[in-house]
Each structure stands twice: as structure tokens, then as C-alpha cells.
Amino acid sequence: MVYRFISWDVKLAAIHLIKCDLIPLEVVLECCDISECTWYQVQALWRRTGDVINPKPSLQGRIRTLDVDDVQYLVRLVRQNPDYFLDKLLHLLQTNRSISVHYVTIHQELERAEMSYKKLKRIALERDEGRWADFIS
């Protein structure tokens, strides 16, 4: 049999008709155009959850390993010293924040925070001592 959407109200009406014992099961299934297999699945779900549709999960997607504060900490570290490699950031994150993640995760989070190589190069050039002294003089 082909998948066919059965609306919430039709399933609920079938449950109430059978619960009140007004009409035999075969007639209800024929009127509501529900297969017997689907009926038993809906009935089991009704007994288990009290509803005829599956509850949606509250969280969707993957749970992030680094929260907002951790990413802001990484961005601050990179802005203070753009010469840090990912392994140094990994070490600082482990020692200062007690978080153990892979260096790829740090790279992805920095990319997501829009910290690009171009921005890092600009920050490094702004922190160049020789250029800064030339600019001041």
C-alpha cells in the first residue's frame, strides 16, 4: 500500500468512534479510509502518548560542542594574537576552559564566526611593531 497522509482529526474521530463502541471496527476503517495496520499503529500511539500523532522532538539538529562564550573566547584569543595556530588554541581551550575538542571543530567555529585568513592577516599587519613605529613617527 502506498503512503497516504491521514489527518489528525480523522484519526481522532476513529479513536472516539471505536472507544464509544458505536460502530464496528471494519465500518470505521472503511469510512475513514484507514488500513487495519495503520489503525493498530494509531491505537498504540494513542495508548502510549494520549495523542494520535508523534510528538516532535524539542531539539533539532546537532548539539554544539562549543557554546557562544567559548567561541567568543576563541575569537578574543585570535584577535589578541593572530599568530596562534589551531593546536595552540586547542591547548588554551583545554587549559583555560577545560574543554576538549578537535582542532577541526575550532576551525569550523572560527569560520562560522566569520574569522577568515584575510581578517587574520589584516589584524597581524596592524600589530606589526615596525609598521606601527613607522606610522607613529
N, C-alpha and C. Protein backbone atom coordinates (compact mmCIF):
# COMPACT_ATOMS: atom_id res chain seq x y z
N MET A 1 0.84 -1.18 0.00
CA MET A 1 0.00 0.00 0.00
C MET A 1 0.89 1.24 0.00
N VAL A 2 0.47 2.26 -0.69
CA VAL A 2 1.22 3.49 -0.83
C VAL A 2 1.00 4.38 0.39
N TYR A 3 2.06 5.12 0.77
CA TYR A 3 1.94 6.05 1.89
C TYR A 3 0.91 7.11 1.56
N ARG A 4 -0.01 7.31 2.48
CA ARG A 4 -1.03 8.33 2.31
C ARG A 4 -1.20 9.05 3.63
N PHE A 5 -1.22 10.36 3.58
CA PHE A 5 -1.36 11.17 4.79
C PHE A 5 -2.79 11.05 5.30
N ILE A 6 -2.92 10.77 6.58
CA ILE A 6 -4.23 10.73 7.24
C ILE A 6 -4.21 11.83 8.29
N SER A 7 -5.14 12.73 8.20
CA SER A 7 -5.11 13.90 9.07
C SER A 7 -5.38 13.53 10.53
N TRP A 8 -4.98 14.42 11.38
CA TRP A 8 -5.09 14.23 12.83
C TRP A 8 -6.54 14.06 13.26
N ASP A 9 -7.44 14.87 12.70
CA ASP A 9 -8.84 14.81 13.12
C ASP A 9 -9.54 13.52 12.70
N VAL A 10 -9.14 12.95 11.55
CA VAL A 10 -9.73 11.68 11.12
C VAL A 10 -9.28 10.56 12.05
N LYS A 11 -8.00 10.55 12.41
CA LYS A 11 -7.51 9.54 13.35
C LYS A 11 -8.21 9.66 14.70
N LEU A 12 -8.36 10.88 15.17
CA LEU A 12 -9.00 11.11 16.48
C LEU A 12 -10.48 10.71 16.44
N ALA A 13 -11.15 11.01 15.33
CA ALA A 13 -12.55 10.62 15.20
C ALA A 13 -12.69 9.10 15.21
N ALA A 14 -11.79 8.41 14.54
CA ALA A 14 -11.83 6.95 14.53
C ALA A 14 -11.60 6.40 15.93
N ILE A 15 -10.68 6.98 16.66
CA ILE A 15 -10.42 6.54 18.04
C ILE A 15 -11.67 6.70 18.89
N HIS A 16 -12.33 7.86 18.80
CA HIS A 16 -13.52 8.11 19.62
C HIS A 16 -14.71 7.23 19.21
N LEU A 17 -14.85 6.96 17.92
CA LEU A 17 -15.93 6.08 17.47
C LEU A 17 -15.74 4.66 18.01
N ILE A 18 -14.52 4.18 17.97
CA ILE A 18 -14.26 2.83 18.49
C ILE A 18 -14.36 2.81 20.01
N LYS A 19 -13.90 3.88 20.65
CA LYS A 19 -13.95 3.93 22.12
C LYS A 19 -15.39 3.91 22.63
N CYS A 20 -16.27 4.62 21.95
CA CYS A 20 -17.68 4.65 22.36
C CYS A 20 -18.44 3.39 21.92
N ASP A 21 -17.82 2.56 21.12
CA ASP A 21 -18.41 1.30 20.66
C ASP A 21 -19.73 1.52 19.92
N LEU A 22 -19.74 2.57 19.06
CA LEU A 22 -20.93 2.90 18.29
C LEU A 22 -20.99 2.12 16.98
N ILE A 23 -19.84 1.97 16.35
CA ILE A 23 -19.78 1.35 15.02
C ILE A 23 -18.69 0.27 15.06
N PRO A 24 -18.89 -0.83 14.35
CA PRO A 24 -17.84 -1.86 14.31
C PRO A 24 -16.56 -1.34 13.66
N LEU A 25 -15.45 -1.96 14.02
CA LEU A 25 -14.14 -1.53 13.54
C LEU A 25 -14.05 -1.52 12.02
N GLU A 26 -14.56 -2.54 11.37
CA GLU A 26 -14.45 -2.62 9.91
C GLU A 26 -15.14 -1.45 9.23
N VAL A 27 -16.29 -1.04 9.75
CA VAL A 27 -17.03 0.08 9.16
C VAL A 27 -16.29 1.39 9.37
N VAL A 28 -15.73 1.58 10.56
CA VAL A 28 -14.97 2.82 10.84
C VAL A 28 -13.75 2.91 9.93
N LEU A 29 -13.04 1.79 9.77
CA LEU A 29 -11.85 1.80 8.91
C LEU A 29 -12.21 2.07 7.46
N GLU A 30 -13.33 1.54 7.02
CA GLU A 30 -13.77 1.76 5.65
C GLU A 30 -14.20 3.21 5.45
N CYS A 31 -14.95 3.76 6.40
CA CYS A 31 -15.42 5.15 6.28
C CYS A 31 -14.26 6.14 6.34
N CYS A 32 -13.30 5.89 7.23
CA CYS A 32 -12.17 6.81 7.40
C CYS A 32 -11.05 6.52 6.40
N ASP A 33 -11.18 5.43 5.64
CA ASP A 33 -10.18 5.02 4.66
C ASP A 33 -8.81 4.83 5.32
N ILE A 34 -8.83 4.02 6.39
CA ILE A 34 -7.62 3.71 7.14
C ILE A 34 -7.41 2.20 7.05
N SER A 35 -6.17 1.79 6.81
CA SER A 35 -5.89 0.36 6.78
C SER A 35 -5.85 -0.19 8.21
N GLU A 36 -5.99 -1.49 8.32
CA GLU A 36 -6.02 -2.11 9.64
C GLU A 36 -4.66 -1.98 10.34
N CYS A 37 -3.59 -2.08 9.57
CA CYS A 37 -2.25 -1.92 10.12
C CYS A 37 -2.06 -0.51 10.68
N THR A 38 -2.47 0.48 9.91
CA THR A 38 -2.37 1.87 10.36
C THR A 38 -3.22 2.10 11.60
N TRP A 39 -4.40 1.48 11.63
CA TRP A 39 -5.28 1.62 12.78
C TRP A 39 -4.60 1.14 14.06
N TYR A 40 -3.94 0.00 14.01
CA TYR A 40 -3.30 -0.53 15.21
C TYR A 40 -2.09 0.32 15.62
N GLN A 41 -1.42 0.91 14.65
CA GLN A 41 -0.32 1.82 14.98
C GLN A 41 -0.85 3.09 15.66
N VAL A 42 -1.96 3.63 15.13
CA VAL A 42 -2.57 4.83 15.73
C VAL A 42 -3.09 4.51 17.13
N GLN A 43 -3.69 3.36 17.28
CA GLN A 43 -4.22 2.96 18.58
C GLN A 43 -3.09 2.78 19.60
N ALA A 44 -1.99 2.19 19.20
CA ALA A 44 -0.85 2.02 20.10
C ALA A 44 -0.26 3.37 20.49
N LEU A 45 -0.18 4.27 19.53
CA LEU A 45 0.32 5.61 19.81
C LEU A 45 -0.61 6.35 20.75
N TRP A 46 -1.92 6.18 20.60
CA TRP A 46 -2.92 6.81 21.47
C TRP A 46 -2.76 6.29 22.91
N ARG A 47 -2.55 5.02 23.05
CA ARG A 47 -2.39 4.44 24.39
C ARG A 47 -1.08 4.89 25.04
N ARG A 48 -0.04 5.01 24.22
CA ARG A 48 1.28 5.35 24.75
C ARG A 48 1.41 6.83 25.09
N THR A 49 0.90 7.72 24.22
CA THR A 49 1.14 9.16 24.40
C THR A 49 -0.12 9.96 24.69
N GLY A 50 -1.30 9.41 24.40
CA GLY A 50 -2.52 10.18 24.58
C GLY A 50 -2.83 11.07 23.40
N ASP A 51 -2.11 10.90 22.29
CA ASP A 51 -2.35 11.67 21.08
C ASP A 51 -2.19 10.73 19.89
N VAL A 52 -2.71 11.14 18.74
CA VAL A 52 -2.67 10.27 17.56
C VAL A 52 -1.55 10.62 16.60
N ILE A 53 -0.74 11.61 16.94
CA ILE A 53 0.42 11.95 16.12
C ILE A 53 1.66 11.90 17.00
N ASN A 54 2.79 11.60 16.40
CA ASN A 54 4.04 11.54 17.15
C ASN A 54 4.44 12.93 17.61
N PRO A 55 4.89 13.05 18.86
CA PRO A 55 5.35 14.37 19.31
C PRO A 55 6.65 14.74 18.61
N LYS A 56 6.80 16.01 18.29
CA LYS A 56 8.01 16.49 17.65
C LYS A 56 9.12 16.57 18.69
N PRO A 57 10.34 16.26 18.29
CA PRO A 57 11.45 16.41 19.24
C PRO A 57 11.69 17.88 19.54
N SER A 58 12.02 18.19 20.78
CA SER A 58 12.19 19.59 21.17
C SER A 58 13.45 20.19 20.56
N LEU A 59 14.49 19.38 20.44
CA LEU A 59 15.73 19.86 19.83
C LEU A 59 15.90 19.23 18.46
N GLN A 60 16.25 20.04 17.51
CA GLN A 60 16.52 19.52 16.18
C GLN A 60 17.96 19.84 15.82
N GLY A 61 18.56 18.94 15.10
CA GLY A 61 19.94 19.16 14.70
C GLY A 61 20.92 18.66 15.73
N ARG A 62 22.15 19.01 15.50
CA ARG A 62 23.24 18.57 16.36
C ARG A 62 23.44 19.54 17.51
N ILE A 63 23.82 19.02 18.65
CA ILE A 63 24.14 19.88 19.78
C ILE A 63 25.57 20.36 19.60
N ARG A 64 25.77 21.63 19.73
CA ARG A 64 27.09 22.22 19.53
C ARG A 64 28.01 21.85 20.68
N THR A 65 29.28 21.58 20.35
CA THR A 65 30.24 21.25 21.40
C THR A 65 30.78 22.51 22.07
N LEU A 66 30.81 23.60 21.35
CA LEU A 66 31.26 24.88 21.92
C LEU A 66 30.08 25.83 21.98
N ASP A 67 29.84 26.41 23.14
CA ASP A 67 28.74 27.37 23.23
C ASP A 67 29.24 28.76 22.84
N VAL A 68 28.38 29.75 22.97
CA VAL A 68 28.68 31.10 22.50
C VAL A 68 29.87 31.70 23.25
N ASP A 69 29.92 31.48 24.57
CA ASP A 69 31.02 32.04 25.36
C ASP A 69 32.36 31.46 24.93
N ASP A 70 32.38 30.18 24.63
CA ASP A 70 33.63 29.55 24.20
C ASP A 70 34.09 30.09 22.85
N VAL A 71 33.15 30.29 21.94
CA VAL A 71 33.51 30.83 20.62
C VAL A 71 33.99 32.27 20.77
N GLN A 72 33.35 33.06 21.62
CA GLN A 72 33.81 34.43 21.85
C GLN A 72 35.20 34.45 22.47
N TYR A 73 35.46 33.49 23.35
CA TYR A 73 36.79 33.36 23.93
C TYR A 73 37.83 33.08 22.84
N LEU A 74 37.51 32.17 21.94
CA LEU A 74 38.42 31.87 20.83
C LEU A 74 38.67 33.09 19.94
N VAL A 75 37.61 33.80 19.64
CA VAL A 75 37.75 35.00 18.80
C VAL A 75 38.62 36.04 19.49
N ARG A 76 38.42 36.21 20.80
CA ARG A 76 39.27 37.15 21.54
C ARG A 76 40.73 36.73 21.51
N LEU A 77 40.97 35.43 21.67
CA LEU A 77 42.35 34.93 21.61
C LEU A 77 42.98 35.20 20.25
N VAL A 78 42.22 34.98 19.20
CA VAL A 78 42.74 35.19 17.85
C VAL A 78 42.99 36.66 17.59
N ARG A 79 42.12 37.51 18.09
CA ARG A 79 42.32 38.95 17.87
C ARG A 79 43.51 39.47 18.68
N GLN A 80 43.74 38.91 19.86
CA GLN A 80 44.88 39.35 20.66
C GLN A 80 46.19 38.88 20.06
N ASN A 81 46.19 37.66 19.55
CA ASN A 81 47.41 37.12 18.96
C ASN A 81 47.05 36.31 17.72
N PRO A 82 47.06 36.93 16.55
CA PRO A 82 46.66 36.23 15.33
C PRO A 82 47.69 35.19 14.86
N ASP A 83 48.84 35.10 15.53
CA ASP A 83 49.86 34.13 15.14
C ASP A 83 49.58 32.74 15.68
N TYR A 84 48.60 32.60 16.56
CA TYR A 84 48.31 31.29 17.15
C TYR A 84 47.87 30.31 16.08
N PHE A 85 48.40 29.09 16.17
CA PHE A 85 47.93 28.01 15.33
C PHE A 85 46.78 27.31 16.04
N LEU A 86 46.11 26.42 15.32
CA LEU A 86 44.96 25.73 15.90
C LEU A 86 45.35 24.87 17.09
N ASP A 87 46.54 24.28 17.06
CA ASP A 87 46.94 23.46 18.20
C ASP A 87 47.17 24.29 19.45
N LYS A 88 47.65 25.52 19.29
CA LYS A 88 47.82 26.41 20.45
C LYS A 88 46.45 26.82 20.98
N LEU A 89 45.50 27.12 20.09
CA LEU A 89 44.14 27.45 20.53
C LEU A 89 43.50 26.26 21.23
N LEU A 90 43.77 25.07 20.71
CA LEU A 90 43.26 23.85 21.32
C LEU A 90 43.81 23.69 22.74
N HIS A 91 45.11 23.92 22.91
CA HIS A 91 45.73 23.82 24.22
C HIS A 91 45.16 24.87 25.19
N LEU A 92 45.01 26.10 24.72
CA LEU A 92 44.46 27.15 25.58
C LEU A 92 43.01 26.86 25.97
N LEU A 93 42.27 26.31 25.05
CA LEU A 93 40.88 25.95 25.35
C LEU A 93 40.82 24.82 26.38
N GLN A 94 41.74 23.88 26.28
CA GLN A 94 41.77 22.78 27.24
C GLN A 94 42.20 23.26 28.62
N THR A 95 43.20 24.11 28.69
CA THR A 95 43.72 24.53 29.99
C THR A 95 42.85 25.59 30.65
N ASN A 96 42.35 26.54 29.88
CA ASN A 96 41.60 27.65 30.48
C ASN A 96 40.11 27.38 30.61
N ARG A 97 39.55 26.60 29.71
CA ARG A 97 38.11 26.34 29.72
C ARG A 97 37.74 24.90 30.04
N SER A 98 38.72 24.03 30.14
CA SER A 98 38.51 22.60 30.42
C SER A 98 37.59 21.95 29.39
N ILE A 99 37.81 22.31 28.14
CA ILE A 99 37.01 21.76 27.04
C ILE A 99 37.95 21.04 26.09
N SER A 100 37.64 19.79 25.82
CA SER A 100 38.46 19.01 24.90
C SER A 100 37.69 18.80 23.61
N VAL A 101 38.15 19.44 22.55
CA VAL A 101 37.54 19.30 21.23
C VAL A 101 38.64 19.04 20.22
N HIS A 102 38.26 18.72 19.01
CA HIS A 102 39.20 18.51 17.92
C HIS A 102 39.55 19.85 17.30
N TYR A 103 40.75 19.95 16.71
CA TYR A 103 41.13 21.22 16.10
C TYR A 103 40.25 21.58 14.91
N VAL A 104 39.65 20.59 14.27
CA VAL A 104 38.73 20.86 13.16
C VAL A 104 37.50 21.61 13.68
N THR A 105 37.06 21.26 14.87
CA THR A 105 35.91 21.95 15.48
C THR A 105 36.25 23.42 15.71
N ILE A 106 37.45 23.68 16.19
CA ILE A 106 37.87 25.07 16.41
C ILE A 106 37.90 25.82 15.08
N HIS A 107 38.43 25.18 14.05
CA HIS A 107 38.49 25.81 12.73
C HIS A 107 37.09 26.12 12.21
N GLN A 108 36.18 25.16 12.34
CA GLN A 108 34.80 25.38 11.87
C GLN A 108 34.12 26.49 12.65
N GLU A 109 34.33 26.54 13.94
CA GLU A 109 33.69 27.59 14.75
C GLU A 109 34.26 28.96 14.41
N LEU A 110 35.55 29.03 14.14
CA LEU A 110 36.13 30.32 13.73
C LEU A 110 35.61 30.74 12.36
N GLU A 111 35.43 29.78 11.47
CA GLU A 111 34.84 30.11 10.17
C GLU A 111 33.41 30.58 10.34
N ARG A 112 32.66 29.92 11.22
CA ARG A 112 31.27 30.30 11.47
C ARG A 112 31.19 31.70 12.10
N ALA A 113 32.22 32.05 12.87
CA ALA A 113 32.28 33.39 13.47
C ALA A 113 32.86 34.41 12.49
N GLU A 114 33.01 34.01 11.22
CA GLU A 114 33.49 34.86 10.13
C GLU A 114 34.90 35.37 10.39
N MET A 115 35.73 34.53 10.99
CA MET A 115 37.13 34.85 11.19
C MET A 115 37.89 34.19 10.05
N SER A 116 38.23 34.98 9.03
CA SER A 116 38.86 34.43 7.83
C SER A 116 40.37 34.71 7.84
N TYR A 117 41.07 34.08 6.92
CA TYR A 117 42.50 34.30 6.79
C TYR A 117 42.80 35.76 6.46
N LYS A 118 41.95 36.36 5.65
CA LYS A 118 42.14 37.76 5.26
C LYS A 118 42.05 38.67 6.48
N LYS A 119 41.06 38.42 7.35
CA LYS A 119 40.93 39.22 8.56
C LYS A 119 42.11 39.01 9.49
N LEU A 120 42.56 37.75 9.61
CA LEU A 120 43.71 37.46 10.47
C LEU A 120 44.97 38.15 9.95
N LYS A 121 45.13 38.17 8.64
CA LYS A 121 46.30 38.82 8.05
C LYS A 121 46.26 40.32 8.32
N ARG A 122 45.06 40.91 8.23
CA ARG A 122 44.91 42.34 8.50
C ARG A 122 45.21 42.65 9.96
N ILE A 123 44.72 41.81 10.86
CA ILE A 123 44.99 42.01 12.29
C ILE A 123 46.49 41.89 12.56
N ALA A 124 47.14 40.92 11.92
CA ALA A 124 48.58 40.74 12.12
C ALA A 124 49.36 41.94 11.58
N LEU A 125 48.94 42.48 10.45
CA LEU A 125 49.62 43.65 9.91
C LEU A 125 49.43 44.86 10.81
N GLU A 126 48.26 45.00 11.41
CA GLU A 126 48.02 46.12 12.32
C GLU A 126 48.86 45.99 13.59
N ARG A 127 49.22 44.77 13.96
CA ARG A 127 50.00 44.54 15.18
C ARG A 127 51.51 44.51 14.91
N ASP A 128 51.91 44.73 13.67
CA ASP A 128 53.32 44.71 13.32
C ASP A 128 54.01 45.89 14.00
N GLU A 129 55.01 45.60 14.87
CA GLU A 129 55.68 46.63 15.67
C GLU A 129 56.41 47.64 14.78
N GLY A 130 57.11 47.14 13.76
CA GLY A 130 57.87 48.03 12.89
C GLY A 130 56.98 49.00 12.14
N ARG A 131 55.88 48.49 11.59
CA ARG A 131 54.95 49.37 10.87
C ARG A 131 54.28 50.35 11.81
N TRP A 132 54.00 49.90 13.02
CA TRP A 132 53.36 50.79 13.99
C TRP A 132 54.32 51.93 14.37
N ALA A 133 55.58 51.60 14.55
CA ALA A 133 56.58 52.65 14.88
C ALA A 133 56.73 53.62 13.71
N ASP A 134 56.73 53.11 12.46
CA ASP A 134 56.81 53.99 11.30
C ASP A 134 55.61 54.90 11.23
N PHE A 135 54.44 54.37 11.55
CA PHE A 135 53.22 55.17 11.49
C PHE A 135 53.25 56.28 12.55
N ILE A 136 53.73 55.94 13.75
CA ILE A 136 53.76 56.93 14.83
C ILE A 136 54.76 58.02 14.51
N SER A 137 55.90 57.66 13.94
CA SER A 137 56.93 58.67 13.64
C SER A 137 56.52 59.44 12.41
